[in-house]
Each structure stands twice: as structure tokens, then as C-alpha cells.
Amino acid sequence: MAWLELDCVCDERHADALSDALIACGALSVSVEDANAGGMAEVPIYGEPGIPQGRLWQRNRVVALVDQATDCAGLIERAAGMCGLADLRYTSRVVHDQDWVRQTQAQFEPVRISNRLWIVPSWHQAPAAPSIAIRLDPGLAFGTGSHPTTRLCLAWLDQADLRGRLVLDYGCGSGILAIAAARLGARQVVATDIDPQALAASRANAAANQAAVDVRDIDEVRDIRADVLVANILTNPLKVLAPAFSRHLADAGQIVLSGILEEQEGDVIAAYAPWVRLRPHAREDGWSCLHGTRDS
């Protein structure tokens, strides 16, 4: 089986309308990308990961997938007319059927965090013992081990002595940090998130790894006093949560924060200064992991 991919370029004002019109005219799917992606004129539309600025690019590549029997010229003409575009040019190419599951899986290889700690998708063979292999597949919640911020937090957990410690994973996503803490010997691990899908993913992933992780709603962790608090979220939430995180820390409790760009380190350090002396622990690809101990 094969499909046709129709590729056209339009300005920012028409991109959303054209996408909707293509779907209305029979396209199976539509994507919008930066027409200058990969070149010097490429422009990011996020000021910070996950926080959109509410606009598209000035030049947008709109790509529609249609059935091979589609009258492409007619579809493009109708869609362009619906959104006020005259003489919309397009190119087309055949897209052959593929094993999409296998192609997706091929993007996710085992991730080595250290000599002993690995993140391994379920379709790969785990490294031989004495390695600690956390089984984790890509899903709806953030955290597969492939992002630098996740790896930075995992590397800190791997070198820490967690025996006898209560670890709180705040903003747990997939549960990867909580599972690692449990597998690395923590006495108790509590994980929480504001996203119900993240809580469900963390429970499922913890069960799959036979890891003792206590997954709770945000309201259920108010009284937790942690020996170690780890949070891999974003800079702005980290700054806002500084007073709350300080209350979650036991005396001499340690805090590990990531999701921070290197140029944002100073802002986060300043936000926590009344309670914790944060310092950069490690950096990777422009991202930073901060570590500190609560003043007793």
C-alpha cells in the first residue's frame, strides 16, 4: 500500500487555515513545519521547551498525506480557495507502506548512564549482570533516558548513596527517576506529578520493573519530608516551587534539579538561596543539573 505526500509552503497567516482546509477536503493527516528547518534561517518557536509563544513561522511547510487515488490538483485548489490563497504551488511524492512500529522502535536504543545503570526498551536485550537495567518504553509521559536532563539526574542518583534514604521524585513523568532511585537502594521512594497520565505511566513502569515506588497525587505529598528531592521539570516551575521544595526537604536533605538551560542557572540558584545553596553538578548539551543541601 502507498500514499501521496503533498508539500506546499505558505505564510504564517494562512498555515492553520490551510491545514484545516486540507483535512476538510479529504487529507488523511497534515503537519506544519518550519520551511527553513535545517538552514541558517531556521527559527525556534519556543522561548523555553514546552512553553509556546503562540505563533507559527513566517514561512511554513504544510505537508498533507492523501490516498494515492486522490485528485491532488483539485484538492489543493479547493483547500487554497477555502482559506483565500491564490495559485498555491505544491509538490508530491509517493510514500510507501513501511513497518512503522519497527521504524519507531529503531529510534530508541539502550541508553547507558554509567557502567552499571542502563535504560533499556522492552524490545532490546538487557546488558549482562551486574548491570541495573531499567525497562522503559516511550510513552505519553516525559522521561525515556534519551534527554540530557534525564541523564543528568540519573547520573547523580547513580553516584549517590541512597541507602536508608527517602527519595521524592516531584514531576515524575514516566517514573524513570523514581524507579532508578528504588533500584539503586533507596529505603522509600515517592513519586508525584500534576498530570494523571504521568501518574498512570509511573505506576505501570514501576510495576514492570518490580520497583517499590509509591505514586501519589500532588495533594498526597504535602507532609513528605525527603532526604533527597529530585525534580526534572522546567526553570519557571522550579523557581515558583522553591519555597514548597524547601519545606519538603528534611534537615540536611539534598535537592537535585534539572530541566535548566545553562544560562538559567543563576536565576534558579537565586530563587533557592534562602533555603539551599545550589551549585552546578553537571552539564550536558547546554543543559544543567543543580545540586544542593538544605541548611539545617
Protein backbone atom coordinates (compact mmCIF):
# COMPACT_ATOMS: atom_id res chain seq x y z
CA MET A 1 0.00 0.00 0.00
CA ALA A 2 1.18 3.54 -0.73
CA TRP A 3 0.09 7.14 -0.17
CA LEU A 4 0.88 10.52 -1.65
CA GLU A 5 2.55 13.30 0.30
CA LEU A 6 1.62 16.81 -0.83
CA ASP A 7 4.08 19.51 0.15
CA CYS A 8 3.40 23.26 -0.07
CA VAL A 9 4.63 26.48 1.53
CA CYS A 10 2.53 29.32 2.92
CA ASP A 11 2.91 32.25 5.28
CA GLU A 12 2.12 32.41 8.99
CA ARG A 13 -1.36 33.91 8.48
CA HIS A 14 -2.61 31.02 6.36
CA ALA A 15 -0.89 27.93 7.81
CA ASP A 16 -3.55 26.90 10.33
CA ALA A 17 -6.41 27.65 7.97
CA LEU A 18 -4.75 25.68 5.17
CA SER A 19 -4.20 22.72 7.49
CA ASP A 20 -7.88 22.69 8.46
CA ALA A 21 -8.95 23.10 4.83
CA LEU A 22 -6.79 20.18 3.67
CA ILE A 23 -8.35 17.92 6.29
CA ALA A 24 -11.83 19.13 5.31
CA CYS A 25 -11.06 18.32 1.67
CA GLY A 26 -10.03 14.76 2.44
CA ALA A 27 -6.39 14.70 3.57
CA LEU A 28 -5.65 11.84 5.96
CA SER A 29 -3.21 13.91 8.04
CA VAL A 30 -1.47 17.29 7.93
CA SER A 31 1.71 18.55 9.59
CA VAL A 32 3.14 22.07 9.77
CA GLU A 33 6.91 22.61 9.94
CA ASP A 34 9.40 25.43 9.61
CA ALA A 35 10.02 25.83 5.86
CA ASN A 36 13.56 26.91 6.72
CA ALA A 37 14.30 23.97 9.04
CA GLY A 38 17.87 22.77 8.81
CA GLY A 39 19.20 26.01 7.40
CA MET A 40 20.63 29.24 8.74
CA ALA A 41 17.17 30.87 8.63
CA GLU A 42 15.59 28.24 10.92
CA VAL A 43 13.66 29.90 13.75
CA PRO A 44 12.59 28.18 17.01
CA ILE A 45 9.04 28.95 18.11
CA TYR A 46 9.61 28.06 21.78
CA GLY A 47 11.21 30.51 24.19
CA GLU A 48 11.67 27.58 26.57
CA PRO A 49 10.93 23.90 25.96
CA GLY A 50 7.22 23.29 26.40
CA ILE A 51 6.22 26.97 26.55
CA PRO A 52 4.90 28.10 23.14
CA GLN A 53 4.99 31.71 22.07
CA GLY A 54 1.61 31.38 20.34
CA ARG A 55 2.67 31.77 16.69
CA LEU A 56 3.95 29.81 13.72
CA TRP A 57 6.91 30.51 11.49
CA GLN A 58 6.89 33.23 8.81
CA ARG A 59 7.35 30.52 6.14
CA ASN A 60 5.56 27.28 6.89
CA ARG A 61 5.87 23.93 5.17
CA VAL A 62 2.45 22.29 5.17
CA VAL A 63 2.55 18.56 4.39
CA ALA A 64 -0.60 16.55 3.72
CA LEU A 65 -0.89 12.78 3.39
CA VAL A 66 -3.60 11.62 0.95
CA ASP A 67 -4.82 8.44 -0.68
CA GLN A 68 -2.96 7.55 -3.87
CA ALA A 69 -6.14 7.85 -5.95
CA THR A 70 -6.73 11.46 -4.84
CA ASP A 71 -7.12 14.24 -7.40
CA CYS A 72 -4.27 16.22 -5.87
CA ALA A 73 -4.59 19.31 -8.03
CA GLY A 74 -8.29 19.52 -7.27
CA LEU A 75 -7.77 19.01 -3.54
CA ILE A 76 -5.10 21.71 -3.35
CA GLU A 77 -7.25 24.12 -5.38
CA ARG A 78 -10.30 23.60 -3.14
CA ALA A 79 -8.29 23.90 0.07
CA ALA A 80 -6.48 27.02 -1.12
CA GLY A 81 -9.76 28.61 -2.10
CA MET A 82 -11.27 27.91 1.33
CA CYS A 83 -8.55 29.93 3.05
CA GLY A 84 -8.03 32.69 0.49
CA LEU A 85 -4.78 31.51 -1.10
CA ALA A 86 -4.37 32.06 -4.83
CA ASP A 87 -2.15 29.89 -7.04
CA LEU A 88 -0.85 27.63 -4.24
CA ARG A 89 2.06 25.59 -5.61
CA TYR A 90 2.75 22.08 -4.35
CA THR A 91 4.97 19.07 -4.94
CA SER A 92 4.06 15.43 -4.41
CA ARG A 93 5.85 12.19 -3.74
CA VAL A 94 4.84 8.58 -3.14
CA VAL A 95 5.13 7.29 0.43
CA HIS A 96 5.32 3.52 0.56
CA ASP A 97 3.96 1.39 3.35
CA GLN A 98 6.53 0.51 5.99
CA ASP A 99 6.80 -1.28 9.29
CA TRP A 100 6.14 1.87 11.29
CA VAL A 101 6.39 0.09 14.63
CA ARG A 102 9.85 -1.25 13.79
CA GLN A 103 10.94 2.15 12.47
CA THR A 104 9.78 3.86 15.65
CA GLN A 105 11.50 1.29 17.83
CA ALA A 106 14.72 1.72 15.88
CA GLN A 107 14.93 5.30 17.17
CA PHE A 108 15.22 4.10 20.76
CA GLU A 109 18.37 2.18 21.64
CA PRO A 110 19.51 1.23 25.15
CA VAL A 111 20.87 4.26 26.97
CA ARG A 112 23.99 3.80 29.10
CA ILE A 113 24.03 6.07 32.14
CA SER A 114 27.07 4.51 33.82
CA ASN A 115 28.96 1.24 33.93
CA ARG A 116 26.10 -0.34 35.89
CA LEU A 117 22.96 1.69 35.06
CA TRP A 118 21.14 1.34 31.73
CA ILE A 119 17.74 2.34 30.35
CA VAL A 120 16.55 -0.43 28.03
CA PRO A 121 13.40 -0.51 25.83
CA SER A 122 11.46 -3.76 26.12
CA TRP A 123 12.35 -4.86 22.58
CA HIS A 124 16.11 -4.84 23.32
CA GLN A 125 18.24 -7.34 25.18
CA ALA A 126 19.33 -6.07 28.58
CA PRO A 127 23.07 -5.87 29.31
CA ALA A 128 24.50 -8.72 31.33
CA ALA A 129 24.63 -8.57 35.14
CA PRO A 130 25.79 -6.84 37.31
CA SER A 131 24.15 -4.05 35.32
CA ILE A 132 20.95 -2.42 36.57
CA ALA A 133 18.63 -2.33 33.56
CA ILE A 134 15.50 -0.20 33.83
CA ARG A 135 12.92 -1.36 31.30
CA LEU A 136 11.19 1.67 29.82
CA ASP A 137 9.38 2.25 26.53
CA PRO A 138 8.48 5.63 25.02
CA GLY A 139 5.03 6.79 26.08
CA LEU A 140 2.83 9.78 26.84
CA ALA A 141 4.86 10.92 29.85
CA PHE A 142 8.30 12.57 29.64
CA GLY A 143 11.36 10.54 30.53
CA THR A 144 12.95 7.79 28.44
CA GLY A 145 16.58 8.44 29.32
CA SER A 146 17.31 9.95 25.91
CA HIS A 147 17.12 13.60 27.01
CA PRO A 148 20.19 15.21 28.63
CA THR A 149 18.20 16.46 31.65
CA THR A 150 17.04 12.94 32.45
CA ARG A 151 20.53 11.52 32.04
CA LEU A 152 22.00 14.20 34.29
CA CYS A 153 19.57 13.34 37.10
CA LEU A 154 20.10 9.60 36.64
CA ALA A 155 23.87 10.05 36.78
CA TRP A 156 23.55 11.93 40.08
CA LEU A 157 21.33 9.22 41.55
CA ASP A 158 23.76 6.55 40.38
CA GLN A 159 26.71 8.09 42.25
CA ALA A 160 24.74 8.92 45.41
CA ASP A 161 24.40 6.68 48.46
CA LEU A 162 20.62 6.26 48.67
CA ARG A 163 20.59 3.51 51.30
CA GLY A 164 18.21 4.37 54.13
CA ARG A 165 17.00 7.47 52.27
CA LEU A 166 13.51 8.66 51.42
CA VAL A 167 13.52 9.99 47.84
CA LEU A 168 10.79 12.26 46.45
CA ASP A 169 10.52 12.49 42.65
CA TYR A 170 8.49 15.66 42.04
CA GLY A 171 7.15 15.87 38.47
CA CYS A 172 7.82 12.19 37.89
CA GLY A 173 6.67 11.90 34.26
CA SER A 174 7.35 8.31 33.24
CA GLY A 175 8.67 7.50 36.72
CA ILE A 176 12.18 6.86 35.44
CA LEU A 177 13.97 8.74 38.24
CA ALA A 178 11.83 7.18 40.94
CA ILE A 179 12.39 3.70 39.52
CA ALA A 180 16.13 4.31 39.36
CA ALA A 181 16.19 5.50 42.97
CA ALA A 182 14.34 2.36 44.08
CA ARG A 183 16.62 0.07 42.08
CA LEU A 184 19.67 1.89 43.46
CA GLY A 185 18.74 1.07 47.05
CA ALA A 186 16.60 3.91 48.44
CA ARG A 187 14.63 2.96 51.57
CA GLN A 188 11.43 4.59 50.27
CA VAL A 189 10.57 6.33 47.01
CA VAL A 190 7.56 8.59 46.50
CA ALA A 191 6.66 9.93 43.05
CA THR A 192 4.17 12.63 42.17
CA ASP A 193 3.00 14.71 39.21
CA ILE A 194 0.17 17.07 38.27
CA ASP A 195 -0.57 15.02 35.14
CA PRO A 196 -2.82 11.95 35.67
CA GLN A 197 -1.24 10.28 32.62
CA ALA A 198 2.17 10.64 34.25
CA LEU A 199 0.90 9.03 37.44
CA ALA A 200 -0.57 6.12 35.45
CA ALA A 201 2.65 5.74 33.45
CA SER A 202 4.79 5.80 36.60
CA ARG A 203 2.68 3.10 38.25
CA ALA A 204 2.82 0.89 35.16
CA ASN A 205 6.56 1.37 34.65
CA ALA A 206 7.33 0.76 38.32
CA ALA A 207 5.33 -2.48 38.22
CA ALA A 208 7.10 -3.58 35.04
CA ASN A 209 10.46 -3.05 36.77
CA GLN A 210 9.34 -4.60 40.08
CA ALA A 211 10.36 -1.33 41.73
CA ALA A 212 8.81 -0.26 45.02
CA VAL A 213 7.59 3.23 44.09
CA ASP A 214 4.75 4.91 45.97
CA VAL A 215 2.97 7.01 43.31
CA ARG A 216 0.73 9.72 44.80
CA ASP A 217 -1.32 12.73 43.74
CA ILE A 218 0.21 16.14 44.45
CA ASP A 219 -2.16 16.72 47.37
CA GLU A 220 -0.98 13.49 48.99
CA VAL A 221 2.66 14.52 49.36
CA ARG A 222 2.19 17.71 51.36
CA ASP A 223 3.65 16.19 54.53
CA ILE A 224 6.58 14.39 52.89
CA ARG A 225 9.99 15.33 54.27
CA ALA A 226 12.54 13.84 51.91
CA ASP A 227 16.22 13.05 52.34
CA VAL A 228 16.56 13.54 48.58
CA LEU A 229 14.22 15.54 46.34
CA VAL A 230 14.72 15.29 42.59
CA ALA A 231 12.81 17.39 40.06
CA ASN A 232 13.39 17.35 36.32
CA ILE A 233 10.86 19.88 35.05
CA LEU A 234 11.32 23.43 33.69
CA THR A 235 13.04 26.53 35.00
CA ASN A 236 9.95 28.66 35.65
CA PRO A 237 8.10 25.98 37.68
CA LEU A 238 11.32 25.20 39.55
CA LYS A 239 11.62 28.83 40.64
CA VAL A 240 7.98 29.05 41.68
CA LEU A 241 8.26 25.80 43.65
CA ALA A 242 11.37 26.83 45.59
CA PRO A 243 9.52 27.54 48.90
CA ALA A 244 7.48 24.32 48.60
CA PHE A 245 10.54 22.23 47.80
CA SER A 246 12.38 23.66 50.79
CA ARG A 247 9.53 22.52 53.04
CA HIS A 248 9.74 19.02 51.55
CA LEU A 249 13.42 18.69 52.48
CA ALA A 250 14.42 17.08 55.76
CA ASP A 251 17.25 18.66 57.74
CA ALA A 252 20.39 18.36 55.62
CA GLY A 253 18.22 16.97 52.83
CA GLN A 254 19.65 17.05 49.32
CA ILE A 255 17.94 18.52 46.25
CA VAL A 256 18.68 17.77 42.60
CA LEU A 257 17.13 19.97 39.91
CA SER A 258 17.27 19.77 36.12
CA GLY A 259 15.37 20.98 33.09
CA ILE A 260 17.53 24.09 33.33
CA LEU A 261 19.45 25.69 30.48
CA GLU A 262 23.00 26.73 31.40
CA GLU A 263 22.17 30.42 31.06
CA GLN A 264 19.27 29.97 33.52
CA GLU A 265 21.42 28.54 36.33
CA GLY A 266 21.82 31.88 38.11
CA ASP A 267 18.08 32.52 38.24
CA VAL A 268 17.37 29.14 39.80
CA ILE A 269 20.25 29.40 42.27
CA ALA A 270 18.96 32.81 43.38
CA ALA A 271 15.41 31.50 43.82
CA TYR A 272 16.60 28.79 46.24
CA ALA A 273 19.20 30.87 48.07
CA PRO A 274 17.09 31.49 51.22
CA TRP A 275 16.94 27.74 51.88
CA VAL A 276 19.51 25.84 49.80
CA ARG A 277 22.96 26.61 48.43
CA LEU A 278 22.68 25.23 44.92
CA ARG A 279 25.70 24.61 42.72
CA PRO A 280 26.06 23.19 39.21
CA HIS A 281 26.64 19.46 39.48
CA ALA A 282 27.00 18.61 35.79
CA ARG A 283 26.15 19.95 32.35
CA GLU A 284 25.37 18.31 29.01
CA ASP A 285 24.45 19.80 25.62
CA GLY A 286 23.59 23.18 27.10
CA TRP A 287 21.52 21.74 29.97
CA SER A 288 22.42 21.91 33.63
CA CYS A 289 21.82 19.82 36.73
CA LEU A 290 21.99 21.69 40.05
CA HIS A 291 22.59 20.10 43.46
CA GLY A 292 22.40 21.47 46.96
CA THR A 293 21.86 20.61 50.63
CA ARG A 294 19.25 22.23 52.82
CA ASP A 295 20.65 24.47 55.54
CA SER A 296 19.91 22.82 58.88
